[in-house]
Amino acid sequence: MYKRGAKGYWISTAKIINQELFDEYVKKVGPWLKQVRGEVFAKDTEPQGKENTQDANLAVICEFPSMREAVEAYESDEYKELSKLRKKATENSTFTIMEGLDEATKLKKAMGL
């Protein structure tokens, strides 16, 4: 089902409407992400929102060693609880989990094939 050697990514945009509550989420999710082998790959508090994300004031990409780990982290009981804070602190949020390129595909691209 998952490509060997491909990383997994969480991609999220949102408009933060309660900074204090969102700060609480960040304080808790950071250490938890490390426990599940995830890390913030990119973050922007002034993203150029397009196509239904124009009012977003946050865009985040989190990277995991694999798609399986990205999905398991999102579906875990721990994250279900943490996400309640994120959802209360934001509106118009989007959340997508996607699989990156596998190592063979990256090598082919690097070789111009």
PDB file of N, CA and C in Angstrom:
ATOM      1  N   MET A   1       0.828  -1.199   0.000  1.00  0.00           N
ATOM      2  CA  MET A   1       0.000   0.000   0.000  1.00  0.00           C
ATOM      3  C   MET A   1       0.868   1.257   0.000  1.00  0.00           C
ATOM      4  N   TYR A   2       1.875   1.313   0.867  1.00  0.00           N
ATOM      5  CA  TYR A   2       2.736   2.490   0.924  1.00  0.00           C
ATOM      6  C   TYR A   2       4.027   2.224   0.166  1.00  0.00           C
ATOM      7  N   LYS A   3       4.591   3.274  -0.421  1.00  0.00           N
ATOM      8  CA  LYS A   3       5.836   3.150  -1.170  1.00  0.00           C
ATOM      9  C   LYS A   3       7.017   3.031  -0.210  1.00  0.00           C
ATOM     10  N   ARG A   4       7.902   2.099  -0.501  1.00  0.00           N
ATOM     11  CA  ARG A   4       9.090   1.896   0.325  1.00  0.00           C
ATOM     12  C   ARG A   4      10.001   3.123   0.232  1.00  0.00           C
ATOM     13  N   GLY A   5      10.411   3.625   1.379  1.00  0.00           N
ATOM     14  CA  GLY A   5      11.320   4.759   1.409  1.00  0.00           C
ATOM     15  C   GLY A   5      10.656   6.108   1.264  1.00  0.00           C
ATOM     16  N   ALA A   6       9.335   6.133   1.191  1.00  0.00           N
ATOM     17  CA  ALA A   6       8.628   7.411   1.036  1.00  0.00           C
ATOM     18  C   ALA A   6       8.225   7.953   2.403  1.00  0.00           C
ATOM     19  N   LYS A   7       8.456   9.224   2.595  1.00  0.00           N
ATOM     20  CA  LYS A   7       8.053   9.861   3.848  1.00  0.00           C
ATOM     21  C   LYS A   7       6.578  10.223   3.795  1.00  0.00           C
ATOM     22  N   GLY A   8       6.000  10.461   4.969  1.00  0.00           N
ATOM     23  CA  GLY A   8       4.619  10.902   5.066  1.00  0.00           C
ATOM     24  C   GLY A   8       4.578  12.340   5.565  1.00  0.00           C
ATOM     25  N   TYR A   9       3.576  13.079   5.132  1.00  0.00           N
ATOM     26  CA  TYR A   9       3.471  14.495   5.486  1.00  0.00           C
ATOM     27  C   TYR A   9       2.059  14.857   5.927  1.00  0.00           C
ATOM     28  N   TRP A  10       1.995  15.700   6.954  1.00  0.00           N
ATOM     29  CA  TRP A  10       0.750  16.363   7.316  1.00  0.00           C
ATOM     30  C   TRP A  10       0.854  17.751   6.707  1.00  0.00           C
ATOM     31  N   ILE A  11      -0.190  18.198   6.046  1.00  0.00           N
ATOM     32  CA  ILE A  11      -0.222  19.547   5.488  1.00  0.00           C
ATOM     33  C   ILE A  11      -1.493  20.210   6.004  1.00  0.00           C
ATOM     34  N   SER A  12      -1.316  21.343   6.662  1.00  0.00           N
ATOM     35  CA  SER A  12      -2.464  21.987   7.293  1.00  0.00           C
ATOM     36  C   SER A  12      -2.412  23.498   7.100  1.00  0.00           C
ATOM     37  N   THR A  13      -3.570  24.083   6.882  1.00  0.00           N
ATOM     38  CA  THR A  13      -3.718  25.537   6.893  1.00  0.00           C
ATOM     39  C   THR A  13      -4.877  25.868   7.824  1.00  0.00           C
ATOM     40  N   ALA A  14      -4.839  27.061   8.386  1.00  0.00           N
ATOM     41  CA  ALA A  14      -5.921  27.465   9.284  1.00  0.00           C
ATOM     42  C   ALA A  14      -5.853  28.964   9.540  1.00  0.00           C
ATOM     43  N   LYS A  15      -6.939  29.473  10.029  1.00  0.00           N
ATOM     44  CA  LYS A  15      -6.974  30.833  10.560  1.00  0.00           C
ATOM     45  C   LYS A  15      -7.051  30.707  12.075  1.00  0.00           C
ATOM     46  N   ILE A  16      -6.029  31.193  12.754  1.00  0.00           N
ATOM     47  CA  ILE A  16      -6.021  31.143  14.217  1.00  0.00           C
ATOM     48  C   ILE A  16      -6.961  32.220  14.733  1.00  0.00           C
ATOM     49  N   ILE A  17      -7.910  31.808  15.569  1.00  0.00           N
ATOM     50  CA  ILE A  17      -8.871  32.763  16.129  1.00  0.00           C
ATOM     51  C   ILE A  17      -8.719  32.905  17.643  1.00  0.00           C
ATOM     52  N   ASN A  18      -7.951  31.998  18.260  1.00  0.00           N
ATOM     53  CA  ASN A  18      -7.691  32.072  19.697  1.00  0.00           C
ATOM     54  C   ASN A  18      -6.217  31.722  19.907  1.00  0.00           C
ATOM     55  N   GLN A  19      -5.374  32.751  19.933  1.00  0.00           N
ATOM     56  CA  GLN A  19      -3.927  32.545  20.006  1.00  0.00           C
ATOM     57  C   GLN A  19      -3.519  31.831  21.292  1.00  0.00           C
ATOM     58  N   GLU A  20      -4.143  32.181  22.405  1.00  0.00           N
ATOM     59  CA  GLU A  20      -3.797  31.557  23.684  1.00  0.00           C
ATOM     60  C   GLU A  20      -4.058  30.047  23.651  1.00  0.00           C
ATOM     61  N   LEU A  21      -5.188  29.658  23.137  1.00  0.00           N
ATOM     62  CA  LEU A  21      -5.525  28.242  23.031  1.00  0.00           C
ATOM     63  C   LEU A  21      -4.603  27.543  22.021  1.00  0.00           C
ATOM     64  N   PHE A  22      -4.285  28.244  20.929  1.00  0.00           N
ATOM     65  CA  PHE A  22      -3.386  27.653  19.935  1.00  0.00           C
ATOM     66  C   PHE A  22      -1.981  27.474  20.516  1.00  0.00           C
ATOM     67  N   ASP A  23      -1.530  28.424  21.327  1.00  0.00           N
ATOM     68  CA  ASP A  23      -0.226  28.303  21.986  1.00  0.00           C
ATOM     69  C   ASP A  23      -0.194  27.083  22.905  1.00  0.00           C
ATOM     70  N   GLU A  24      -1.302  26.807  23.566  1.00  0.00           N
ATOM     71  CA  GLU A  24      -1.400  25.624  24.422  1.00  0.00           C
ATOM     72  C   GLU A  24      -1.270  24.351  23.573  1.00  0.00           C
ATOM     73  N   TYR A  25      -1.921  24.338  22.414  1.00  0.00           N
ATOM     74  CA  TYR A  25      -1.817  23.213  21.492  1.00  0.00           C
ATOM     75  C   TYR A  25      -0.363  23.000  21.065  1.00  0.00           C
ATOM     76  N   VAL A  26       0.306  24.067  20.658  1.00  0.00           N
ATOM     77  CA  VAL A  26       1.697  23.977  20.193  1.00  0.00           C
ATOM     78  C   VAL A  26       2.600  23.451  21.318  1.00  0.00           C
ATOM     79  N   LYS A  27       2.379  23.933  22.529  1.00  0.00           N
ATOM     80  CA  LYS A  27       3.183  23.504  23.674  1.00  0.00           C
ATOM     81  C   LYS A  27       3.049  21.994  23.906  1.00  0.00           C
ATOM     82  N   LYS A  28       1.877  21.462  23.666  1.00  0.00           N
ATOM     83  CA  LYS A  28       1.637  20.035  23.889  1.00  0.00           C
ATOM     84  C   LYS A  28       1.990  19.185  22.682  1.00  0.00           C
ATOM     85  N   VAL A  29       1.728  19.680  21.480  1.00  0.00           N
ATOM     86  CA  VAL A  29       1.932  18.861  20.288  1.00  0.00           C
ATOM     87  C   VAL A  29       3.416  18.726  19.946  1.00  0.00           C
ATOM     88  N   GLY A  30       4.226  19.715  20.258  1.00  0.00           N
ATOM     89  CA  GLY A  30       5.658  19.656  19.939  1.00  0.00           C
ATOM     90  C   GLY A  30       6.350  18.430  20.528  1.00  0.00           C
ATOM     91  N   PRO A  31       6.296  18.249  21.842  1.00  0.00           N
ATOM     92  CA  PRO A  31       6.926  17.065  22.445  1.00  0.00           C
ATOM     93  C   PRO A  31       6.288  15.760  21.970  1.00  0.00           C
ATOM     94  N   TRP A  32       4.978  15.777  21.763  1.00  0.00           N
ATOM     95  CA  TRP A  32       4.302  14.560  21.290  1.00  0.00           C
ATOM     96  C   TRP A  32       4.792  14.190  19.897  1.00  0.00           C
ATOM     97  N   LEU A  33       4.955  15.183  19.013  1.00  0.00           N
ATOM     98  CA  LEU A  33       5.450  14.908  17.665  1.00  0.00           C
ATOM     99  C   LEU A  33       6.790  14.173  17.709  1.00  0.00           C
ATOM    100  N   LYS A  34       7.678  14.621  18.592  1.00  0.00           N
ATOM    101  CA  LYS A  34       8.984  13.962  18.715  1.00  0.00           C
ATOM    102  C   LYS A  34       8.820  12.503  19.121  1.00  0.00           C
ATOM    103  N   GLN A  35       7.874  12.235  20.004  1.00  0.00           N
ATOM    104  CA  GLN A  35       7.629  10.856  20.458  1.00  0.00           C
ATOM    105  C   GLN A  35       7.186   9.954  19.315  1.00  0.00           C
ATOM    106  N   VAL A  36       6.454  10.505  18.351  1.00  0.00           N
ATOM    107  CA  VAL A  36       5.946   9.698  17.239  1.00  0.00           C
ATOM    108  C   VAL A  36       6.802   9.870  15.981  1.00  0.00           C
ATOM    109  N   ARG A  37       7.996  10.407  16.162  1.00  0.00           N
ATOM    110  CA  ARG A  37       8.995  10.550  15.096  1.00  0.00           C
ATOM    111  C   ARG A  37       8.595  11.527  13.995  1.00  0.00           C
ATOM    112  N   GLY A  38       7.770  12.501  14.375  1.00  0.00           N
ATOM    113  CA  GLY A  38       7.394  13.549  13.439  1.00  0.00           C
ATOM    114  C   GLY A  38       8.134  14.829  13.762  1.00  0.00           C
ATOM    115  N   GLU A  39       8.209  15.717  12.792  1.00  0.00           N
ATOM    116  CA  GLU A  39       8.825  17.021  13.040  1.00  0.00           C
ATOM    117  C   GLU A  39       8.217  18.059  12.113  1.00  0.00           C
ATOM    118  N   VAL A  40       8.239  19.306  12.574  1.00  0.00           N
ATOM    119  CA  VAL A  40       7.745  20.390  11.738  1.00  0.00           C
ATOM    120  C   VAL A  40       8.772  20.598  10.632  1.00  0.00           C
ATOM    121  N   PHE A  41       8.335  20.459   9.403  1.00  0.00           N
ATOM    122  CA  PHE A  41       9.193  20.578   8.223  1.00  0.00           C
ATOM    123  C   PHE A  41       9.184  22.016   7.707  1.00  0.00           C
ATOM    124  N   ALA A  42       8.019  22.661   7.748  1.00  0.00           N
ATOM    125  CA  ALA A  42       7.883  24.051   7.302  1.00  0.00           C
ATOM    126  C   ALA A  42       6.709  24.684   8.022  1.00  0.00           C
ATOM    127  N   LYS A  43       6.834  25.998   8.284  1.00  0.00           N
ATOM    128  CA  LYS A  43       5.758  26.733   8.957  1.00  0.00           C
ATOM    129  C   LYS A  43       5.776  28.160   8.430  1.00  0.00           C
ATOM    130  N   ASP A  44       4.606  28.717   8.180  1.00  0.00           N
ATOM    131  CA  ASP A  44       4.496  30.087   7.698  1.00  0.00           C
ATOM    132  C   ASP A  44       3.280  30.731   8.352  1.00  0.00           C
ATOM    133  N   THR A  45       3.482  31.882   8.980  1.00  0.00           N
ATOM    134  CA  THR A  45       2.369  32.599   9.602  1.00  0.00           C
ATOM    135  C   THR A  45       1.807  33.686   8.681  1.00  0.00           C
ATOM    136  N   GLU A  46       2.347  33.767   7.463  1.00  0.00           N
ATOM    137  CA  GLU A  46       1.819  34.676   6.453  1.00  0.00           C
ATOM    138  C   GLU A  46       1.760  33.952   5.108  1.00  0.00           C
ATOM    139  N   PRO A  47       1.055  32.814   5.050  1.00  0.00           N
ATOM    140  CA  PRO A  47       0.995  32.078   3.785  1.00  0.00           C
ATOM    141  C   PRO A  47       0.179  32.838   2.753  1.00  0.00           C
ATOM    142  N   GLN A  48       0.451  32.572   1.507  1.00  0.00           N
ATOM    143  CA  GLN A  48      -0.330  33.155   0.413  1.00  0.00           C
ATOM    144  C   GLN A  48      -1.461  32.185   0.089  1.00  0.00           C
ATOM    145  N   GLY A  49      -2.548  32.327   0.804  1.00  0.00           N
ATOM    146  CA  GLY A  49      -3.678  31.427   0.636  1.00  0.00           C
ATOM    147  C   GLY A  49      -4.331  31.559  -0.723  1.00  0.00           C
ATOM    148  N   LYS A  50      -4.635  30.446  -1.307  1.00  0.00           N
ATOM    149  CA  LYS A  50      -5.312  30.380  -2.608  1.00  0.00           C
ATOM    150  C   LYS A  50      -6.441  29.357  -2.496  1.00  0.00           C
ATOM    151  N   GLU A  51      -7.424  29.468  -3.320  1.00  0.00           N
ATOM    152  CA  GLU A  51      -8.499  28.489  -3.413  1.00  0.00           C
ATOM    153  C   GLU A  51      -9.042  28.030  -2.053  1.00  0.00           C
ATOM    154  N   ASN A  52      -9.809  28.875  -1.453  1.00  0.00           N
ATOM    155  CA  ASN A  52     -10.507  28.614  -0.188  1.00  0.00           C
ATOM    156  C   ASN A  52      -9.605  28.654   1.041  1.00  0.00           C
ATOM    157  N   THR A  53      -8.383  29.159   0.916  1.00  0.00           N
ATOM    158  CA  THR A  53      -7.512  29.305   2.089  1.00  0.00           C
ATOM    159  C   THR A  53      -7.014  30.752   2.214  1.00  0.00           C
ATOM    160  N   GLN A  54      -7.699  31.690   1.581  1.00  0.00           N
ATOM    161  CA  GLN A  54      -7.254  33.077   1.549  1.00  0.00           C
ATOM    162  C   GLN A  54      -7.117  33.705   2.931  1.00  0.00           C
ATOM    163  N   ASP A  55      -7.925  33.291   3.898  1.00  0.00           N
ATOM    164  CA  ASP A  55      -7.857  33.913   5.220  1.00  0.00           C
ATOM    165  C   ASP A  55      -6.942  33.172   6.184  1.00  0.00           C
ATOM    166  N   ALA A  56      -6.213  32.178   5.698  1.00  0.00           N
ATOM    167  CA  ALA A  56      -5.310  31.418   6.569  1.00  0.00           C
ATOM    168  C   ALA A  56      -4.160  32.302   7.049  1.00  0.00           C
ATOM    169  N   ASN A  57      -3.875  32.226   8.342  1.00  0.00           N
ATOM    170  CA  ASN A  57      -2.708  32.929   8.881  1.00  0.00           C
ATOM    171  C   ASN A  57      -1.707  31.919   9.460  1.00  0.00           C
ATOM    172  N   LEU A  58      -1.850  30.670   9.022  1.00  0.00           N
ATOM    173  CA  LEU A  58      -0.917  29.623   9.419  1.00  0.00           C
ATOM    174  C   LEU A  58      -0.941  28.507   8.378  1.00  0.00           C
ATOM    175  N   ALA A  59       0.232  28.076   7.977  1.00  0.00           N
ATOM    176  CA  ALA A  59       0.380  26.895   7.128  1.00  0.00           C
ATOM    177  C   ALA A  59       1.526  26.084   7.723  1.00  0.00           C
ATOM    178  N   VAL A  60       1.308  24.786   7.888  1.00  0.00           N
ATOM    179  CA  VAL A  60       2.312  23.924   8.515  1.00  0.00           C
ATOM    180  C   VAL A  60       2.427  22.623   7.740  1.00  0.00           C
ATOM    181  N   ILE A  61       3.670  22.162   7.595  1.00  0.00           N
ATOM    182  CA  ILE A  61       3.932  20.832   7.050  1.00  0.00           C
ATOM    183  C   ILE A  61       4.740  20.078   8.097  1.00  0.00           C
ATOM    184  N   CYS A  62       4.252  18.910   8.477  1.00  0.00           N
ATOM    185  CA  CYS A  62       4.987  18.034   9.394  1.00  0.00           C
ATOM    186  C   CYS A  62       5.435  16.809   8.610  1.00  0.00           C
ATOM    187  N   GLU A  63       6.654  16.373   8.872  1.00  0.00           N
ATOM    188  CA  GLU A  63       7.225  15.239   8.156  1.00  0.00           C
ATOM    189  C   GLU A  63       7.387  14.051   9.090  1.00  0.00           C
ATOM    190  N   PHE A  64       7.071  12.867   8.560  1.00  0.00           N
ATOM    191  CA  PHE A  64       7.214  11.614   9.297  1.00  0.00           C
ATOM    192  C   PHE A  64       8.081  10.668   8.469  1.00  0.00           C
ATOM    193  N   PRO A  65       8.756   9.712   9.104  1.00  0.00           N
ATOM    194  CA  PRO A  65       9.610   8.783   8.370  1.00  0.00           C
ATOM    195  C   PRO A  65       8.876   7.976   7.301  1.00  0.00           C
ATOM    196  N   SER A  66       7.556   7.810   7.464  1.00  0.00           N
ATOM    197  CA  SER A  66       6.784   7.038   6.485  1.00  0.00           C
ATOM    198  C   SER A  66       5.334   7.489   6.487  1.00  0.00           C
ATOM    199  N   MET A  67       4.637   7.132   5.438  1.00  0.00           N
ATOM    200  CA  MET A  67       3.206   7.429   5.347  1.00  0.00           C
ATOM    201  C   MET A  67       2.463   6.687   6.457  1.00  0.00           C
ATOM    202  N   ARG A  68       2.840   5.452   6.689  1.00  0.00           N
ATOM    203  CA  ARG A  68       2.191   4.665   7.737  1.00  0.00           C
ATOM    204  C   ARG A  68       2.286   5.385   9.082  1.00  0.00           C
ATOM    205  N   GLU A  69       3.467   5.903   9.407  1.00  0.00           N
ATOM    206  CA  GLU A  69       3.642   6.598  10.689  1.00  0.00           C
ATOM    207  C   GLU A  69       2.847   7.905  10.739  1.00  0.00           C
ATOM    208  N   ALA A  70       2.729   8.591   9.605  1.00  0.00           N
ATOM    209  CA  ALA A  70       1.939   9.824   9.559  1.00  0.00           C
ATOM    210  C   ALA A  70       0.466   9.532   9.833  1.00  0.00           C
ATOM    211  N   VAL A  71      -0.050   8.476   9.212  1.00  0.00           N
ATOM    212  CA  VAL A  71      -1.456   8.109   9.396  1.00  0.00           C
ATOM    213  C   VAL A  71      -1.689   7.617  10.823  1.00  0.00           C
ATOM    214  N   GLU A  72      -0.819   6.754  11.315  1.00  0.00           N
ATOM    215  CA  GLU A  72      -0.975   6.229  12.680  1.00  0.00           C
ATOM    216  C   GLU A  72      -0.936   7.346  13.713  1.00  0.00           C
ATOM    217  N   ALA A  73      -0.056   8.329  13.516  1.00  0.00           N
ATOM    218  CA  ALA A  73       0.024   9.450  14.455  1.00  0.00           C
ATOM    219  C   ALA A  73      -1.286  10.228  14.467  1.00  0.00           C
ATOM    220  N   TYR A  74      -1.803  10.533  13.279  1.00  0.00           N
ATOM    221  CA  TYR A  74      -3.050  11.293  13.192  1.00  0.00           C
ATOM    222  C   TYR A  74      -4.219  10.532  13.812  1.00  0.00           C
ATOM    223  N   GLU A  75      -4.263   9.228  13.597  1.00  0.00           N
ATOM    224  CA  GLU A  75      -5.380   8.416  14.083  1.00  0.00           C
ATOM    225  C   GLU A  75      -5.229   7.974  15.535  1.00  0.00           C
ATOM    226  N   SER A  76      -4.121   8.311  16.172  1.00  0.00           N
ATOM    227  CA  SER A  76      -3.882   7.887  17.559  1.00  0.00           C
ATOM    228  C   SER A  76      -4.827   8.590  18.521  1.00  0.00           C
ATOM    229  N   ASP A  77      -5.097   7.940  19.633  1.00  0.00           N
ATOM    230  CA  ASP A  77      -5.940   8.537  20.671  1.00  0.00           C
ATOM    231  C   ASP A  77      -5.321   9.830  21.204  1.00  0.00           C
ATOM    232  N   GLU A  78      -3.992   9.847  21.309  1.00  0.00           N
ATOM    233  CA  GLU A  78      -3.310  11.036  21.824  1.00  0.00           C
ATOM    234  C   GLU A  78      -3.570  12.239  20.910  1.00  0.00           C
ATOM    235  N   TYR A  79      -3.436  12.022  19.597  1.00  0.00           N
ATOM    236  CA  TYR A  79      -3.640  13.165  18.709  1.00  0.00           C
ATOM    237  C   TYR A  79      -5.115  13.551  18.617  1.00  0.00           C
ATOM    238  N   LYS A  80      -6.001  12.602  18.743  1.00  0.00           N
ATOM    239  CA  LYS A  80      -7.424  12.949  18.741  1.00  0.00           C
ATOM    240  C   LYS A  80      -7.721  13.949  19.854  1.00  0.00           C
ATOM    241  N   GLU A  81      -7.086  13.746  21.013  1.00  0.00           N
ATOM    242  CA  GLU A  81      -7.269  14.681  22.131  1.00  0.00           C
ATOM    243  C   GLU A  81      -6.599  16.019  21.836  1.00  0.00           C
ATOM    244  N   LEU A  82      -5.350  15.981  21.362  1.00  0.00           N
ATOM    245  CA  LEU A  82      -4.630  17.215  21.053  1.00  0.00           C
ATOM    246  C   LEU A  82      -5.344  18.027  19.978  1.00  0.00           C
ATOM    247  N   SER A  83      -5.882  17.352  18.980  1.00  0.00           N
ATOM    248  CA  SER A  83      -6.513  18.072  17.871  1.00  0.00           C
ATOM    249  C   SER A  83      -7.750  18.849  18.316  1.00  0.00           C
ATOM    250  N   LYS A  84      -8.338  18.471  19.426  1.00  0.00           N
ATOM    251  CA  LYS A  84      -9.483  19.226  19.942  1.00  0.00           C
ATOM    252  C   LYS A  84      -9.073  20.670  20.237  1.00  0.00           C
ATOM    253  N   LEU A  85      -7.870  20.854  20.791  1.00  0.00           N
ATOM    254  CA  LEU A  85      -7.364  22.203  21.056  1.00  0.00           C
ATOM    255  C   LEU A  85      -7.166  22.967  19.744  1.00  0.00           C
ATOM    256  N   ARG A  86      -6.547  22.309  18.759  1.00  0.00           N
ATOM    257  CA  ARG A  86      -6.310  22.942  17.465  1.00  0.00           C
ATOM    258  C   ARG A  86      -7.623  23.369  16.822  1.00  0.00           C
ATOM    259  N   LYS A  87      -8.605  22.497  16.875  1.00  0.00           N
ATOM    260  CA  LYS A  87      -9.890  22.791  16.237  1.00  0.00           C
ATOM    261  C   LYS A  87     -10.626  23.933  16.931  1.00  0.00           C
ATOM    262  N   LYS A  88     -10.513  24.013  18.265  1.00  0.00           N
ATOM    263  CA  LYS A  88     -11.161  25.106  18.999  1.00  0.00           C
ATOM    264  C   LYS A  88     -10.457  26.438  18.762  1.00  0.00           C
ATOM    265  N   ALA A  89      -9.150  26.386  18.494  1.00  0.00           N
ATOM    266  CA  ALA A  89      -8.350  27.601  18.353  1.00  0.00           C
ATOM    267  C   ALA A  89      -8.331  28.151  16.931  1.00  0.00           C
ATOM    268  N   THR A  90      -8.899  27.394  15.977  1.00  0.00           N
ATOM    269  CA  THR A  90      -8.827  27.803  14.574  1.00  0.00           C
ATOM    270  C   THR A  90     -10.188  27.701  13.894  1.00  0.00           C
ATOM    271  N   GLU A  91     -10.242  28.278  12.715  1.00  0.00           N
ATOM    272  CA  GLU A  91     -11.403  28.100  11.852  1.00  0.00           C
ATOM    273  C   GLU A  91     -10.902  27.968  10.415  1.00  0.00           C
ATOM    274  N   ASN A  92     -11.772  27.472   9.564  1.00  0.00           N
ATOM    275  CA  ASN A  92     -11.432  27.273   8.148  1.00  0.00           C
ATOM    276  C   ASN A  92     -10.151  26.460   7.969  1.00  0.00           C
ATOM    277  N   SER A  93      -9.971  25.465   8.823  1.00  0.00           N
ATOM    278  CA  SER A  93      -8.736  24.689   8.735  1.00  0.00           C
ATOM    279  C   SER A  93      -8.857  23.579   7.694  1.00  0.00           C
ATOM    280  N   THR A  94      -7.715  23.276   7.100  1.00  0.00           N
ATOM    281  CA  THR A  94      -7.601  22.150   6.179  1.00  0.00           C
ATOM    282  C   THR A  94      -6.553  21.206   6.753  1.00  0.00           C
ATOM    283  N   PHE A  95      -6.679  19.936   6.466  1.00  0.00           N
ATOM    284  CA  PHE A  95      -5.707  18.961   6.973  1.00  0.00           C
ATOM    285  C   PHE A  95      -5.643  17.812   5.975  1.00  0.00           C
ATOM    286  N   THR A  96      -4.463  17.572   5.453  1.00  0.00           N
ATOM    287  CA  THR A  96      -4.250  16.518   4.467  1.00  0.00           C
ATOM    288  C   THR A  96      -3.038  15.694   4.875  1.00  0.00           C
ATOM    289  N   ILE A  97      -3.114  14.393   4.678  1.00  0.00           N
ATOM    290  CA  ILE A  97      -1.948  13.531   4.870  1.00  0.00           C
ATOM    291  C   ILE A  97      -1.570  13.017   3.488  1.00  0.00           C
ATOM    292  N   MET A  98      -0.301  13.176   3.134  1.00  0.00           N
ATOM    293  CA  MET A  98       0.133  12.725   1.813  1.00  0.00           C
ATOM    294  C   MET A  98       1.470  12.010   1.897  1.00  0.00           C
ATOM    295  N   GLU A  99       1.702  11.193   0.888  1.00  0.00           N
ATOM    296  CA  GLU A  99       2.937  10.434   0.817  1.00  0.00           C
ATOM    297  C   GLU A  99       3.906  11.134  -0.126  1.00  0.00           C
ATOM    298  N   GLY A 100       5.168  11.207   0.287  1.00  0.00           N
ATOM    299  CA  GLY A 100       6.204  11.807  -0.547  1.00  0.00           C
ATOM    300  C   GLY A 100       6.703  10.829  -1.599  1.00  0.00           C
ATOM    301  N   LEU A 101       7.705  11.251  -2.311  1.00  0.00           N
ATOM    302  CA  LEU A 101       8.293  10.399  -3.338  1.00  0.00           C
ATOM    303  C   LEU A 101       9.150   9.311  -2.692  1.00  0.00           C
ATOM    304  N   ASP A 102       9.113   8.120  -3.265  1.00  0.00           N
ATOM    305  CA  ASP A 102       9.973   7.053  -2.754  1.00  0.00           C
ATOM    306  C   ASP A 102      11.399   7.286  -3.259  1.00  0.00           C
ATOM    307  N   GLU A 103      12.352   6.582  -2.671  1.00  0.00           N
ATOM    308  CA  GLU A 103      13.760   6.781  -2.995  1.00  0.00           C
ATOM    309  C   GLU A 103      14.074   6.499  -4.464  1.00  0.00           C
ATOM    310  N   ALA A 104      13.471   5.475  -5.049  1.00  0.00           N
ATOM    311  CA  ALA A 104      13.725   5.150  -6.454  1.00  0.00           C
ATOM    312  C   ALA A 104      13.268   6.284  -7.370  1.00  0.00           C
ATOM    313  N   THR A 105      12.124   6.856  -7.075  1.00  0.00           N
ATOM    314  CA  THR A 105      11.623   7.964  -7.882  1.00  0.00           C
ATOM    315  C   THR A 105      12.535   9.179  -7.744  1.00  0.00           C
ATOM    316  N   LYS A 106      13.001   9.463  -6.525  1.00  0.00           N
ATOM    317  CA  LYS A 106      13.914  10.590  -6.316  1.00  0.00           C
ATOM    318  C   LYS A 106      15.201  10.395  -7.112  1.00  0.00           C
ATOM    319  N   LEU A 107      15.733   9.186  -7.108  1.00  0.00           N
ATOM    320  CA  LEU A 107      16.960   8.882  -7.837  1.00  0.00           C
ATOM    321  C   LEU A 107      16.759   9.071  -9.339  1.00  0.00           C
ATOM    322  N   LYS A 108      15.649   8.586  -9.868  1.00  0.00           N
ATOM    323  CA  LYS A 108      15.360   8.751 -11.291  1.00  0.00           C
ATOM    324  C   LYS A 108      15.282  10.227 -11.653  1.00  0.00           C
ATOM    325  N   LYS A 109      14.632  11.024 -10.814  1.00  0.00           N
ATOM    326  CA  LYS A 109      14.502  12.452 -11.086  1.00  0.00           C
ATOM    327  C   LYS A 109      15.885  13.111 -11.066  1.00  0.00           C
ATOM    328  N   ALA A 110      16.707  12.729 -10.085  1.00  0.00           N
ATOM    329  CA  ALA A 110      18.049  13.311  -9.975  1.00  0.00           C
ATOM    330  C   ALA A 110      18.896  12.964 -11.208  1.00  0.00           C
ATOM    331  N   MET A 111      18.649  11.801 -11.786  1.00  0.00           N
ATOM    332  CA  MET A 111      19.410  11.355 -12.952  1.00  0.00           C
ATOM    333  C   MET A 111      18.794  11.862 -14.256  1.00  0.00           C
ATOM    334  N   GLY A 112      17.683  12.575 -14.155  1.00  0.00           N
ATOM    335  CA  GLY A 112      17.023  13.118 -15.339  1.00  0.00           C
ATOM    336  C   GLY A 112      16.256  12.099 -16.143  1.00  0.00           C
ATOM    337  N   LEU A 113      15.885  11.015 -15.509  1.00  0.00           N
ATOM    338  CA  LEU A 113      15.144   9.947 -16.201  1.00  0.00           C
ATOM    339  C   LEU A 113      13.647  10.112 -16.030  1.00  0.00           C
TER     340      LEU A 113
END
